[in-house]
């Protein structure tokens, strides 16, 4: 079977397509999945470019979607022909966070889904939403579940709330879609007027170009009549956190899910304390969260926004597009 491996060097040129032996038949508690799609996340980019350390020869990609080809003894949750999507933390099945690293994450601590076939434990997958293409399903493992946990799980989002979404990448667009489906008002930031127009077409109630309004935190407060937003989906990190705190209401919820502006920096702790906000760091979610998200998607009918689809051999080109930050929503690879 075809697969991509990293050859231990740094950079996209280190991605090498190889021919690996077929993984064979599933054992007890396992399923065999023919994979058809993956989607790109910044965590994957960090692995393949060497910014995040991974073992030489690692098969990258945390997201994978495909069809069950065979089931092992005693497997009841899946049947041959089921459409499935991978889980980010295969061993975190439910409950409070128990993992603080990526040792069990496909494409990082263990081999991922840039391959055609995998045999894995049943908890490494859930069913995909009904009617989803494999490319659509592959967007859920990381980006979809991160947005779901930020708003529906940790945030306890209620109808009538206000949500601030930073940017128009995969997590942010999912957050916009989930928030609107749950009856919230949504404000979206971007440096691109074209992207802001697309966000409005998806239901964004207000948009802010942060290049034109660098101190956008106060501007967001003004949009909400001085109150501030109930929830912030904070993907930037240290470069945007101060403005997010300004934008949030007293007692508001800030979901810190990204470090696009850096992995460390100053936090205005006095302002955070004064506004009595809850700053919640999170990394994706558990398998039960994913099951709940899929049930919700089967009801509300949200479809992921895919910016561009590449063929399997174009994985490096897909990452090059991601590096330009010109995409809106998700980038996928199909095979």
C-alpha atoms as a PDB file:
ATOM      1  CA  UNK A   1       0.000   0.000   0.000  1.00  0.00           C
ATOM      2  CA  UNK A   2       1.050   3.591  -0.599  1.00  0.00           C
ATOM      3  CA  UNK A   3       2.021   5.743   2.365  1.00  0.00           C
ATOM      4  CA  UNK A   4       4.010   8.853   3.215  1.00  0.00           C
ATOM      5  CA  UNK A   5       6.854   8.820   5.698  1.00  0.00           C
ATOM      6  CA  UNK A   6       9.153  11.500   7.040  1.00  0.00           C
ATOM      7  CA  UNK A   7      12.791  10.643   6.376  1.00  0.00           C
ATOM      8  CA  UNK A   8      13.976  12.347   9.547  1.00  0.00           C
ATOM      9  CA  UNK A   9      15.011  15.607   7.907  1.00  0.00           C
ATOM     10  CA  UNK A  10      13.352  18.997   8.332  1.00  0.00           C
ATOM     11  CA  UNK A  11      11.038  20.443   5.708  1.00  0.00           C
ATOM     12  CA  UNK A  12       8.354  19.271   3.315  1.00  0.00           C
ATOM     13  CA  UNK A  13      11.012  17.728   1.081  1.00  0.00           C
ATOM     14  CA  UNK A  14      11.404  15.114   3.820  1.00  0.00           C
ATOM     15  CA  UNK A  15       7.984  13.665   2.953  1.00  0.00           C
ATOM     16  CA  UNK A  16       8.596  10.535   0.933  1.00  0.00           C
ATOM     17  CA  UNK A  17       6.031   8.240  -0.648  1.00  0.00           C
ATOM     18  CA  UNK A  18       6.795   4.606   0.096  1.00  0.00           C
ATOM     19  CA  UNK A  19       5.249   1.196  -0.537  1.00  0.00           C
ATOM     20  CA  UNK A  20       4.476  -0.613   2.730  1.00  0.00           C
ATOM     21  CA  UNK A  21       3.281  -4.158   3.370  1.00  0.00           C
ATOM     22  CA  UNK A  22      -0.452  -4.683   3.709  1.00  0.00           C
ATOM     23  CA  UNK A  23      -1.418  -4.562   7.425  1.00  0.00           C
ATOM     24  CA  UNK A  24      -3.396  -7.785   7.147  1.00  0.00           C
ATOM     25  CA  UNK A  25      -6.542  -8.864   8.946  1.00  0.00           C
ATOM     26  CA  UNK A  26      -7.863  -7.288  12.167  1.00  0.00           C
ATOM     27  CA  UNK A  27      -7.474  -9.110  15.455  1.00  0.00           C
ATOM     28  CA  UNK A  28      -9.837  -9.077  18.441  1.00  0.00           C
ATOM     29  CA  UNK A  29     -11.222  -5.597  19.046  1.00  0.00           C
ATOM     30  CA  UNK A  30      -9.774  -4.232  15.802  1.00  0.00           C
ATOM     31  CA  UNK A  31     -11.081  -3.030  12.453  1.00  0.00           C
ATOM     32  CA  UNK A  32      -9.462  -2.745   9.052  1.00  0.00           C
ATOM     33  CA  UNK A  33     -10.179   0.592   7.346  1.00  0.00           C
ATOM     34  CA  UNK A  34      -9.533   1.537   3.736  1.00  0.00           C
ATOM     35  CA  UNK A  35      -8.705   5.221   4.043  1.00  0.00           C
ATOM     36  CA  UNK A  36      -9.884   7.701   1.440  1.00  0.00           C
ATOM     37  CA  UNK A  37      -9.125  11.151   2.845  1.00  0.00           C
ATOM     38  CA  UNK A  38      -7.217  13.206   5.379  1.00  0.00           C
ATOM     39  CA  UNK A  39      -7.282  16.913   6.225  1.00  0.00           C
ATOM     40  CA  UNK A  40      -4.500  19.297   7.181  1.00  0.00           C
ATOM     41  CA  UNK A  41      -4.061  20.943  10.567  1.00  0.00           C
ATOM     42  CA  UNK A  42      -1.316  23.165  11.938  1.00  0.00           C
ATOM     43  CA  UNK A  43      -0.282  20.362  14.258  1.00  0.00           C
ATOM     44  CA  UNK A  44       0.391  18.196  11.192  1.00  0.00           C
ATOM     45  CA  UNK A  45       2.348  21.026   9.593  1.00  0.00           C
ATOM     46  CA  UNK A  46       4.476  21.292  12.719  1.00  0.00           C
ATOM     47  CA  UNK A  47       5.258  17.576  12.568  1.00  0.00           C
ATOM     48  CA  UNK A  48       6.152  17.385   8.878  1.00  0.00           C
ATOM     49  CA  UNK A  49       8.307  20.531   8.969  1.00  0.00           C
ATOM     50  CA  UNK A  50      10.180  19.438  12.090  1.00  0.00           C
ATOM     51  CA  UNK A  51       8.848  22.206  14.353  1.00  0.00           C
ATOM     52  CA  UNK A  52       7.263  19.484  16.483  1.00  0.00           C
ATOM     53  CA  UNK A  53       9.558  16.502  17.067  1.00  0.00           C
ATOM     54  CA  UNK A  54       8.417  13.108  15.825  1.00  0.00           C
ATOM     55  CA  UNK A  55      10.214   9.838  15.277  1.00  0.00           C
ATOM     56  CA  UNK A  56      12.057   9.482  11.959  1.00  0.00           C
ATOM     57  CA  UNK A  57       9.960   7.522   9.511  1.00  0.00           C
ATOM     58  CA  UNK A  58       6.689   8.605  11.099  1.00  0.00           C
ATOM     59  CA  UNK A  59       3.579   8.330   8.919  1.00  0.00           C
ATOM     60  CA  UNK A  60       1.961  11.763   9.350  1.00  0.00           C
ATOM     61  CA  UNK A  61      -1.639  13.018   9.578  1.00  0.00           C
ATOM     62  CA  UNK A  62      -3.975  12.835  12.561  1.00  0.00           C
ATOM     63  CA  UNK A  63      -7.175  12.914  10.503  1.00  0.00           C
ATOM     64  CA  UNK A  64      -8.393   9.921   8.534  1.00  0.00           C
ATOM     65  CA  UNK A  65     -11.687   8.859   7.010  1.00  0.00           C
ATOM     66  CA  UNK A  66     -12.665   5.780   5.045  1.00  0.00           C
ATOM     67  CA  UNK A  67     -14.623   2.527   4.891  1.00  0.00           C
ATOM     68  CA  UNK A  68     -14.474  -0.499   7.180  1.00  0.00           C
ATOM     69  CA  UNK A  69     -13.219  -3.466   5.136  1.00  0.00           C
ATOM     70  CA  UNK A  70     -13.144  -6.091   7.886  1.00  0.00           C
ATOM     71  CA  UNK A  71     -13.852  -6.425  11.599  1.00  0.00           C
ATOM     72  CA  UNK A  72     -12.066  -8.581  14.130  1.00  0.00           C
ATOM     73  CA  UNK A  73     -13.585 -11.045  16.590  1.00  0.00           C
ATOM     74  CA  UNK A  74     -16.013  -9.611  19.156  1.00  0.00           C
ATOM     75  CA  UNK A  75     -16.371  -6.262  17.332  1.00  0.00           C
ATOM     76  CA  UNK A  76     -19.998  -5.129  17.479  1.00  0.00           C
ATOM     77  CA  UNK A  77     -19.778  -1.344  17.071  1.00  0.00           C
ATOM     78  CA  UNK A  78     -18.794  -1.492  13.382  1.00  0.00           C
ATOM     79  CA  UNK A  79     -19.741  -3.521  10.335  1.00  0.00           C
ATOM     80  CA  UNK A  80     -18.130  -3.995   6.945  1.00  0.00           C
ATOM     81  CA  UNK A  81     -19.048  -1.026   4.750  1.00  0.00           C
ATOM     82  CA  UNK A  82     -19.417   1.505   7.575  1.00  0.00           C
ATOM     83  CA  UNK A  83     -18.022   4.962   6.889  1.00  0.00           C
ATOM     84  CA  UNK A  84     -15.739   6.000   9.742  1.00  0.00           C
ATOM     85  CA  UNK A  85     -13.532   8.870  10.911  1.00  0.00           C
ATOM     86  CA  UNK A  86     -10.497   8.716  13.195  1.00  0.00           C
ATOM     87  CA  UNK A  87     -10.142   9.997  16.767  1.00  0.00           C
ATOM     88  CA  UNK A  88      -7.347  12.376  17.806  1.00  0.00           C
ATOM     89  CA  UNK A  89      -6.724  10.732  21.207  1.00  0.00           C
ATOM     90  CA  UNK A  90      -7.561   7.046  20.621  1.00  0.00           C
ATOM     91  CA  UNK A  91      -7.070   6.119  24.279  1.00  0.00           C
ATOM     92  CA  UNK A  92      -8.999   9.068  25.811  1.00  0.00           C
ATOM     93  CA  UNK A  93     -12.473   7.615  25.566  1.00  0.00           C
ATOM     94  CA  UNK A  94     -14.461   9.857  27.911  1.00  0.00           C
ATOM     95  CA  UNK A  95     -14.280  11.999  31.038  1.00  0.00           C
ATOM     96  CA  UNK A  96     -11.925  14.758  32.105  1.00  0.00           C
ATOM     97  CA  UNK A  97      -8.632  15.398  30.251  1.00  0.00           C
ATOM     98  CA  UNK A  98      -6.026  12.773  31.037  1.00  0.00           C
ATOM     99  CA  UNK A  99      -3.399  13.450  28.380  1.00  0.00           C
ATOM    100  CA  UNK A 100      -0.940  16.349  28.232  1.00  0.00           C
ATOM    101  CA  UNK A 101       1.138  15.298  25.231  1.00  0.00           C
ATOM    102  CA  UNK A 102       0.816  13.759  21.775  1.00  0.00           C
ATOM    103  CA  UNK A 103       2.343  10.367  22.531  1.00  0.00           C
ATOM    104  CA  UNK A 104      -0.876   8.606  21.501  1.00  0.00           C
ATOM    105  CA  UNK A 105      -1.896  10.969  18.685  1.00  0.00           C
ATOM    106  CA  UNK A 106      -1.791   9.506  15.149  1.00  0.00           C
ATOM    107  CA  UNK A 107       0.710  11.287  12.954  1.00  0.00           C
ATOM    108  CA  UNK A 108       2.789  12.368  15.944  1.00  0.00           C
ATOM    109  CA  UNK A 109       3.406   9.870  18.742  1.00  0.00           C
ATOM    110  CA  UNK A 110       2.178   6.959  16.610  1.00  0.00           C
ATOM    111  CA  UNK A 111       1.808   6.468  12.866  1.00  0.00           C
ATOM    112  CA  UNK A 112      -1.006   8.430  11.286  1.00  0.00           C
ATOM    113  CA  UNK A 113      -3.284   8.241   8.273  1.00  0.00           C
ATOM    114  CA  UNK A 114      -1.222   9.286   5.269  1.00  0.00           C
ATOM    115  CA  UNK A 115      -1.626   5.701   4.036  1.00  0.00           C
ATOM    116  CA  UNK A 116      -4.214   3.686   2.195  1.00  0.00           C
ATOM    117  CA  UNK A 117      -5.088   0.996   4.751  1.00  0.00           C
ATOM    118  CA  UNK A 118      -4.889   0.746   8.543  1.00  0.00           C
ATOM    119  CA  UNK A 119      -5.738  -1.919  11.116  1.00  0.00           C
ATOM    120  CA  UNK A 120      -6.532  -0.258  14.438  1.00  0.00           C
ATOM    121  CA  UNK A 121      -8.501  -0.732  17.666  1.00  0.00           C
ATOM    122  CA  UNK A 122     -12.191   0.112  17.433  1.00  0.00           C
ATOM    123  CA  UNK A 123     -11.774   3.161  19.686  1.00  0.00           C
ATOM    124  CA  UNK A 124      -9.456   4.734  17.098  1.00  0.00           C
ATOM    125  CA  UNK A 125     -12.547   5.524  14.988  1.00  0.00           C
ATOM    126  CA  UNK A 126     -16.168   6.590  15.234  1.00  0.00           C
ATOM    127  CA  UNK A 127     -18.885   6.479  12.613  1.00  0.00           C
ATOM    128  CA  UNK A 128     -18.869   9.409  10.202  1.00  0.00           C
ATOM    129  CA  UNK A 129     -21.969  11.621   9.893  1.00  0.00           C
ATOM    130  CA  UNK A 130     -24.584  10.254   7.503  1.00  0.00           C
ATOM    131  CA  UNK A 131     -24.178  11.464   3.940  1.00  0.00           C
ATOM    132  CA  UNK A 132     -20.734  12.969   4.453  1.00  0.00           C
ATOM    133  CA  UNK A 133     -18.086  12.414   1.804  1.00  0.00           C
ATOM    134  CA  UNK A 134     -14.837  10.974   3.071  1.00  0.00           C
ATOM    135  CA  UNK A 135     -13.175  14.374   2.560  1.00  0.00           C
ATOM    136  CA  UNK A 136     -15.852  16.054   4.663  1.00  0.00           C
ATOM    137  CA  UNK A 137     -15.592  13.447   7.408  1.00  0.00           C
ATOM    138  CA  UNK A 138     -11.811  13.816   7.551  1.00  0.00           C
ATOM    139  CA  UNK A 139     -12.164  17.458   8.632  1.00  0.00           C
ATOM    140  CA  UNK A 140     -13.835  16.466  11.914  1.00  0.00           C
ATOM    141  CA  UNK A 141     -11.081  14.655  13.847  1.00  0.00           C
ATOM    142  CA  UNK A 142      -9.105  17.750  14.808  1.00  0.00           C
ATOM    143  CA  UNK A 143     -10.705  20.989  13.632  1.00  0.00           C
ATOM    144  CA  UNK A 144     -14.347  20.010  13.975  1.00  0.00           C
ATOM    145  CA  UNK A 145     -13.984  18.452  17.402  1.00  0.00           C
ATOM    146  CA  UNK A 146     -11.854  21.324  18.713  1.00  0.00           C
ATOM    147  CA  UNK A 147     -14.559  23.842  17.818  1.00  0.00           C
ATOM    148  CA  UNK A 148     -17.276  21.569  19.226  1.00  0.00           C
ATOM    149  CA  UNK A 149     -15.522  21.133  22.550  1.00  0.00           C
ATOM    150  CA  UNK A 150     -14.720  24.844  22.832  1.00  0.00           C
ATOM    151  CA  UNK A 151     -18.359  25.863  22.450  1.00  0.00           C
ATOM    152  CA  UNK A 152     -20.660  22.934  23.231  1.00  0.00           C
ATOM    153  CA  UNK A 153     -18.630  21.099  25.892  1.00  0.00           C
ATOM    154  CA  UNK A 154     -16.406  23.544  27.782  1.00  0.00           C
ATOM    155  CA  UNK A 155     -18.403  26.635  26.859  1.00  0.00           C
ATOM    156  CA  UNK A 156     -21.901  25.283  27.405  1.00  0.00           C
ATOM    157  CA  UNK A 157     -23.057  27.568  24.591  1.00  0.00           C
ATOM    158  CA  UNK A 158     -26.693  28.633  24.755  1.00  0.00           C
ATOM    159  CA  UNK A 159     -28.982  30.229  22.203  1.00  0.00           C
ATOM    160  CA  UNK A 160     -28.748  34.010  22.271  1.00  0.00           C
ATOM    161  CA  UNK A 161     -25.097  34.079  23.342  1.00  0.00           C
ATOM    162  CA  UNK A 162     -22.431  36.029  21.468  1.00  0.00           C
ATOM    163  CA  UNK A 163     -19.303  34.317  20.096  1.00  0.00           C
ATOM    164  CA  UNK A 164     -16.090  35.886  18.791  1.00  0.00           C
ATOM    165  CA  UNK A 165     -14.188  33.776  16.265  1.00  0.00           C
ATOM    166  CA  UNK A 166     -10.632  34.702  15.310  1.00  0.00           C
ATOM    167  CA  UNK A 167      -9.730  34.113  11.675  1.00  0.00           C
ATOM    168  CA  UNK A 168     -11.186  31.844   9.016  1.00  0.00           C
ATOM    169  CA  UNK A 169      -9.169  28.633   9.297  1.00  0.00           C
ATOM    170  CA  UNK A 170     -10.665  25.215   9.866  1.00  0.00           C
ATOM    171  CA  UNK A 171     -11.420  25.492  13.598  1.00  0.00           C
ATOM    172  CA  UNK A 172     -12.746  29.033  13.286  1.00  0.00           C
ATOM    173  CA  UNK A 173     -15.141  28.240  10.440  1.00  0.00           C
ATOM    174  CA  UNK A 174     -16.444  25.193  12.286  1.00  0.00           C
ATOM    175  CA  UNK A 175     -16.951  27.424  15.347  1.00  0.00           C
ATOM    176  CA  UNK A 176     -18.926  29.891  13.229  1.00  0.00           C
ATOM    177  CA  UNK A 177     -21.116  27.100  11.870  1.00  0.00           C
ATOM    178  CA  UNK A 178     -21.684  25.430  15.239  1.00  0.00           C
ATOM    179  CA  UNK A 179     -22.459  28.730  16.954  1.00  0.00           C
ATOM    180  CA  UNK A 180     -25.017  29.754  14.350  1.00  0.00           C
ATOM    181  CA  UNK A 181     -26.635  26.305  14.458  1.00  0.00           C
ATOM    182  CA  UNK A 182     -27.007  26.712  18.239  1.00  0.00           C
ATOM    183  CA  UNK A 183     -28.664  30.116  17.923  1.00  0.00           C
ATOM    184  CA  UNK A 184     -25.719  32.357  18.801  1.00  0.00           C
ATOM    185  CA  UNK A 185     -24.641  35.689  17.353  1.00  0.00           C
ATOM    186  CA  UNK A 186     -21.155  35.510  15.825  1.00  0.00           C
ATOM    187  CA  UNK A 187     -18.421  38.084  15.219  1.00  0.00           C
ATOM    188  CA  UNK A 188     -15.518  37.060  12.935  1.00  0.00           C
ATOM    189  CA  UNK A 189     -12.106  38.702  12.539  1.00  0.00           C
ATOM    190  CA  UNK A 190      -9.766  38.476   9.559  1.00  0.00           C
ATOM    191  CA  UNK A 191      -7.237  40.601   7.674  1.00  0.00           C
ATOM    192  CA  UNK A 192      -9.004  39.805   4.387  1.00  0.00           C
ATOM    193  CA  UNK A 193     -12.189  41.564   3.333  1.00  0.00           C
ATOM    194  CA  UNK A 194     -12.866  38.758   0.851  1.00  0.00           C
ATOM    195  CA  UNK A 195     -12.742  36.181   3.649  1.00  0.00           C
ATOM    196  CA  UNK A 196     -14.953  38.344   5.840  1.00  0.00           C
ATOM    197  CA  UNK A 197     -17.494  38.504   3.035  1.00  0.00           C
ATOM    198  CA  UNK A 198     -17.473  34.701   2.826  1.00  0.00           C
ATOM    199  CA  UNK A 199     -17.910  34.529   6.592  1.00  0.00           C
ATOM    200  CA  UNK A 200     -20.974  36.768   6.355  1.00  0.00           C
ATOM    201  CA  UNK A 201     -22.372  34.456   3.691  1.00  0.00           C
ATOM    202  CA  UNK A 202     -22.063  31.622   6.236  1.00  0.00           C
ATOM    203  CA  UNK A 203     -24.058  33.608   8.779  1.00  0.00           C
ATOM    204  CA  UNK A 204     -21.561  35.848  10.600  1.00  0.00           C
ATOM    205  CA  UNK A 205     -23.498  38.711  12.153  1.00  0.00           C
ATOM    206  CA  UNK A 206     -20.555  41.116  12.341  1.00  0.00           C
ATOM    207  CA  UNK A 207     -17.036  41.132  10.908  1.00  0.00           C
ATOM    208  CA  UNK A 208     -13.864  43.005  11.844  1.00  0.00           C
ATOM    209  CA  UNK A 209     -10.764  43.550   9.705  1.00  0.00           C
ATOM    210  CA  UNK A 210      -8.004  43.520  12.308  1.00  0.00           C
ATOM    211  CA  UNK A 211      -5.506  45.193   9.972  1.00  0.00           C
ATOM    212  CA  UNK A 212      -7.806  48.207   9.738  1.00  0.00           C
ATOM    213  CA  UNK A 213      -8.696  48.049  13.462  1.00  0.00           C
ATOM    214  CA  UNK A 214      -5.613  46.799  15.368  1.00  0.00           C
ATOM    215  CA  UNK A 215      -7.257  47.384  18.763  1.00  0.00           C
ATOM    216  CA  UNK A 216     -10.219  45.246  17.821  1.00  0.00           C
ATOM    217  CA  UNK A 217     -11.002  44.136  21.384  1.00  0.00           C
ATOM    218  CA  UNK A 218     -12.601  47.451  22.274  1.00  0.00           C
ATOM    219  CA  UNK A 219     -14.330  47.546  18.887  1.00  0.00           C
ATOM    220  CA  UNK A 220     -15.920  44.154  19.563  1.00  0.00           C
ATOM    221  CA  UNK A 221     -17.124  45.445  22.922  1.00  0.00           C
ATOM    222  CA  UNK A 222     -18.703  48.387  21.109  1.00  0.00           C
ATOM    223  CA  UNK A 223     -20.478  46.005  18.707  1.00  0.00           C
ATOM    224  CA  UNK A 224     -22.052  44.293  21.725  1.00  0.00           C
ATOM    225  CA  UNK A 225     -23.173  47.558  23.273  1.00  0.00           C
ATOM    226  CA  UNK A 226     -20.239  47.655  25.680  1.00  0.00           C
ATOM    227  CA  UNK A 227     -20.996  44.277  27.278  1.00  0.00           C
ATOM    228  CA  UNK A 228     -18.484  42.076  25.488  1.00  0.00           C
ATOM    229  CA  UNK A 229     -18.903  38.610  24.000  1.00  0.00           C
ATOM    230  CA  UNK A 230     -19.821  35.511  25.995  1.00  0.00           C
ATOM    231  CA  UNK A 231     -17.294  33.247  24.255  1.00  0.00           C
ATOM    232  CA  UNK A 232     -14.021  33.744  22.396  1.00  0.00           C
ATOM    233  CA  UNK A 233     -12.532  31.021  20.189  1.00  0.00           C
ATOM    234  CA  UNK A 234      -8.902  32.099  20.638  1.00  0.00           C
ATOM    235  CA  UNK A 235      -6.618  30.549  18.011  1.00  0.00           C
ATOM    236  CA  UNK A 236      -3.857  33.163  17.958  1.00  0.00           C
ATOM    237  CA  UNK A 237      -2.226  32.838  21.345  1.00  0.00           C
ATOM    238  CA  UNK A 238       0.027  35.517  22.875  1.00  0.00           C
ATOM    239  CA  UNK A 239      -0.315  37.941  19.973  1.00  0.00           C
ATOM    240  CA  UNK A 240      -4.098  38.135  20.224  1.00  0.00           C
ATOM    241  CA  UNK A 241      -4.941  37.128  23.786  1.00  0.00           C
ATOM    242  CA  UNK A 242      -4.919  40.650  25.235  1.00  0.00           C
ATOM    243  CA  UNK A 243      -7.442  41.811  22.642  1.00  0.00           C
ATOM    244  CA  UNK A 244      -9.577  38.719  23.247  1.00  0.00           C
ATOM    245  CA  UNK A 245      -9.691  39.517  26.964  1.00  0.00           C
ATOM    246  CA  UNK A 246     -10.745  43.059  26.098  1.00  0.00           C
ATOM    247  CA  UNK A 247     -13.468  41.701  23.828  1.00  0.00           C
ATOM    248  CA  UNK A 248     -14.907  39.246  26.353  1.00  0.00           C
ATOM    249  CA  UNK A 249     -17.639  40.156  28.805  1.00  0.00           C
ATOM    250  CA  UNK A 250     -17.173  40.154  32.552  1.00  0.00           C
ATOM    251  CA  UNK A 251     -17.291  36.475  33.501  1.00  0.00           C
ATOM    252  CA  UNK A 252     -16.904  35.383  29.879  1.00  0.00           C
ATOM    253  CA  UNK A 253     -15.311  32.202  28.529  1.00  0.00           C
ATOM    254  CA  UNK A 254     -12.117  32.223  26.456  1.00  0.00           C
ATOM    255  CA  UNK A 255     -11.212  28.930  24.767  1.00  0.00           C
ATOM    256  CA  UNK A 256      -7.454  28.970  24.135  1.00  0.00           C
ATOM    257  CA  UNK A 257      -6.930  26.471  21.341  1.00  0.00           C
ATOM    258  CA  UNK A 258      -4.116  27.834  19.192  1.00  0.00           C
ATOM    259  CA  UNK A 259      -0.630  29.320  19.237  1.00  0.00           C
ATOM    260  CA  UNK A 260      -0.441  30.773  15.740  1.00  0.00           C
ATOM    261  CA  UNK A 261       1.342  33.895  17.044  1.00  0.00           C
ATOM    262  CA  UNK A 262       3.772  31.995  19.265  1.00  0.00           C
ATOM    263  CA  UNK A 263       4.022  29.470  22.086  1.00  0.00           C
ATOM    264  CA  UNK A 264       4.663  31.938  24.887  1.00  0.00           C
ATOM    265  CA  UNK A 265       4.274  35.590  25.783  1.00  0.00           C
ATOM    266  CA  UNK A 266       2.845  38.139  28.173  1.00  0.00           C
ATOM    267  CA  UNK A 267      -0.652  37.604  29.549  1.00  0.00           C
ATOM    268  CA  UNK A 268      -2.476  40.674  30.951  1.00  0.00           C
ATOM    269  CA  UNK A 269      -3.317  38.876  34.163  1.00  0.00           C
ATOM    270  CA  UNK A 270      -4.637  42.009  35.842  1.00  0.00           C
ATOM    271  CA  UNK A 271      -7.201  42.562  33.099  1.00  0.00           C
ATOM    272  CA  UNK A 272      -8.127  38.875  33.048  1.00  0.00           C
ATOM    273  CA  UNK A 273      -8.661  38.960  36.793  1.00  0.00           C
ATOM    274  CA  UNK A 274     -10.591  42.223  36.729  1.00  0.00           C
ATOM    275  CA  UNK A 275     -12.954  40.906  34.102  1.00  0.00           C
ATOM    276  CA  UNK A 276     -13.267  37.625  36.027  1.00  0.00           C
ATOM    277  CA  UNK A 277     -13.034  35.567  32.857  1.00  0.00           C
ATOM    278  CA  UNK A 278     -12.476  31.836  32.483  1.00  0.00           C
ATOM    279  CA  UNK A 279      -9.450  31.111  30.276  1.00  0.00           C
ATOM    280  CA  UNK A 280      -9.686  27.448  29.249  1.00  0.00           C
ATOM    281  CA  UNK A 281      -6.841  25.762  27.410  1.00  0.00           C
ATOM    282  CA  UNK A 282      -7.866  22.747  25.371  1.00  0.00           C
ATOM    283  CA  UNK A 283      -6.519  20.264  22.842  1.00  0.00           C
ATOM    284  CA  UNK A 284      -9.212  18.674  20.646  1.00  0.00           C
ATOM    285  CA  UNK A 285     -11.400  16.296  22.735  1.00  0.00           C
ATOM    286  CA  UNK A 286     -12.201  12.719  23.673  1.00  0.00           C
ATOM    287  CA  UNK A 287     -14.011   9.975  21.797  1.00  0.00           C
ATOM    288  CA  UNK A 288     -17.302  10.591  23.622  1.00  0.00           C
ATOM    289  CA  UNK A 289     -17.172  14.252  22.564  1.00  0.00           C
ATOM    290  CA  UNK A 290     -16.765  13.077  18.972  1.00  0.00           C
ATOM    291  CA  UNK A 291     -19.709  10.706  19.218  1.00  0.00           C
ATOM    292  CA  UNK A 292     -21.859  13.562  20.519  1.00  0.00           C
ATOM    293  CA  UNK A 293     -20.658  15.900  17.767  1.00  0.00           C
ATOM    294  CA  UNK A 294     -21.477  13.354  15.069  1.00  0.00           C
ATOM    295  CA  UNK A 295     -24.987  12.920  16.505  1.00  0.00           C
ATOM    296  CA  UNK A 296     -25.458  16.691  16.388  1.00  0.00           C
ATOM    297  CA  UNK A 297     -24.196  16.898  12.806  1.00  0.00           C
ATOM    298  CA  UNK A 298     -26.662  14.193  11.777  1.00  0.00           C
ATOM    299  CA  UNK A 299     -29.455  16.435  13.065  1.00  0.00           C
ATOM    300  CA  UNK A 300     -28.443  19.972  12.067  1.00  0.00           C
ATOM    301  CA  UNK A 301     -26.952  19.119   8.667  1.00  0.00           C
ATOM    302  CA  UNK A 302     -23.831  21.295   8.811  1.00  0.00           C
ATOM    303  CA  UNK A 303     -21.377  20.508   5.999  1.00  0.00           C
ATOM    304  CA  UNK A 304     -17.676  21.359   6.360  1.00  0.00           C
ATOM    305  CA  UNK A 305     -16.196  24.128   4.228  1.00  0.00           C
ATOM    306  CA  UNK A 306     -13.400  22.700   2.084  1.00  0.00           C
ATOM    307  CA  UNK A 307     -11.137  25.239   0.398  1.00  0.00           C
ATOM    308  CA  UNK A 308      -9.139  22.857  -1.758  1.00  0.00           C
ATOM    309  CA  UNK A 309      -8.721  19.119  -2.323  1.00  0.00           C
ATOM    310  CA  UNK A 310      -5.428  17.540  -3.418  1.00  0.00           C
ATOM    311  CA  UNK A 311      -4.679  14.020  -4.667  1.00  0.00           C
ATOM    312  CA  UNK A 312      -2.657  11.709  -2.437  1.00  0.00           C
ATOM    313  CA  UNK A 313       0.629  12.361  -4.233  1.00  0.00           C
ATOM    314  CA  UNK A 314       0.084  16.100  -3.694  1.00  0.00           C
ATOM    315  CA  UNK A 315       0.353  16.020   0.109  1.00  0.00           C
ATOM    316  CA  UNK A 316       3.409  18.299   0.156  1.00  0.00           C
ATOM    317  CA  UNK A 317       1.666  20.746  -2.192  1.00  0.00           C
ATOM    318  CA  UNK A 318      -1.311  20.787   0.168  1.00  0.00           C
ATOM    319  CA  UNK A 319       0.998  21.787   3.029  1.00  0.00           C
ATOM    320  CA  UNK A 320       2.541  24.505   0.856  1.00  0.00           C
ATOM    321  CA  UNK A 321      -0.914  25.978   0.350  1.00  0.00           C
ATOM    322  CA  UNK A 322      -1.509  25.794   4.090  1.00  0.00           C
ATOM    323  CA  UNK A 323       1.719  27.713   4.712  1.00  0.00           C
ATOM    324  CA  UNK A 324       0.397  30.649   2.673  1.00  0.00           C
ATOM    325  CA  UNK A 325      -2.569  31.020   5.099  1.00  0.00           C
ATOM    326  CA  UNK A 326      -4.701  31.938   2.090  1.00  0.00           C
ATOM    327  CA  UNK A 327      -7.241  29.145   2.595  1.00  0.00           C
ATOM    328  CA  UNK A 328     -10.761  29.536   3.992  1.00  0.00           C
ATOM    329  CA  UNK A 329     -11.890  26.517   5.997  1.00  0.00           C
ATOM    330  CA  UNK A 330     -10.157  23.203   5.417  1.00  0.00           C
ATOM    331  CA  UNK A 331      -7.601  21.729   3.023  1.00  0.00           C
ATOM    332  CA  UNK A 332      -8.010  18.016   2.306  1.00  0.00           C
ATOM    333  CA  UNK A 333      -6.163  15.215   0.533  1.00  0.00           C
ATOM    334  CA  UNK A 334      -8.136  12.416  -1.135  1.00  0.00           C
ATOM    335  CA  UNK A 335      -6.953   8.891  -2.047  1.00  0.00           C
END
